[in-house]
Amino acid sequence: MKHINQFTWGNVFTPEECDALCSIASKEIRGKGRVLANGTGGIKNLLARNCELAWLPSNVDNAWAYMRINNFVRDVNSQWLNFELDGEMESLQYLEYGLGQFYNWHQDNGSDAVATRKLTAVIQLSDPKEYIGGSTKIDSQTFLESGQFVDTAAKTKGSITIFPSHLRHFARPVFWGRRKALVAWFHGSRPLR
C-alpha cells in the first residue's frame, strides 16, 4: 500500500507566524477539553480527552490566519474533494497537549451539534523537536487504498493536514514537552451520509 501526503502541506504558516498564533492564544481563557456527548466531565470524559484548549474567535489580531486557512482549505476542497461547504468556518480551536495528555478515538461530526462538519484542518504550531509523542493518527484505511490520504497528520511546524470530519482520529499522548495546534472545521448544509 502506497502512502502519499497529498492532503498534507508544509510551510502554510512560517515559524514566526506559528509563534504569533501561540502568543495570541496565550491571551485567551483556557479550559479542559471536553467531549460534546459527555460535556459534563467525569471519569468517562477523562478517558476520552485530556488536553487544554482555547477558542480563538475571529478578530483584528488573527484575521490573517482565518483568511489563510479558509482560502487554503476551500482551494483544496474545490480541486480534489468537492464537498458542499456552506457558510463560514467555525472559530479556531487552539489545543495544547502536555505530559500524558491525549484525545482518544473520535469523529469531529458525530453529535447533532456538529453533524454538518465536512472537513477538519489541523495546523501544527509547535516544532516536532519540542515534544515526544503526540502524533495525530487518522483511521483512513479505505482512503489509503486509493492513495488519497495519509494516516498520520504532519508534525512539521506550520503544516496543515486536511481530512473529512467523519474519519475517526486520535491524538496520541505526549511523553515530553508540549504539542500546540489549531483545528478548523468547515460545514455543509446537510450531514454526510
Foldseek 3Di string as FASTA:
>chain_A
DDADAQQKDAPLDDLVVLVLVVVLQVPFDKDFDFDVVGRVDDPVRVVAFGWIKGWAADDPSCVVVLVSVQVVVVVCCVVPPVDAFDDGKDTKMKIKAAAFGKGDKDFQQPDPVRQFWFKKKKAWSDAPVQWPAFWKAWPDVVVVVVNDHHGIHDNHHGMMGMDTRGIIMMTTHIHHGMTIIMMITTGHPGGDD
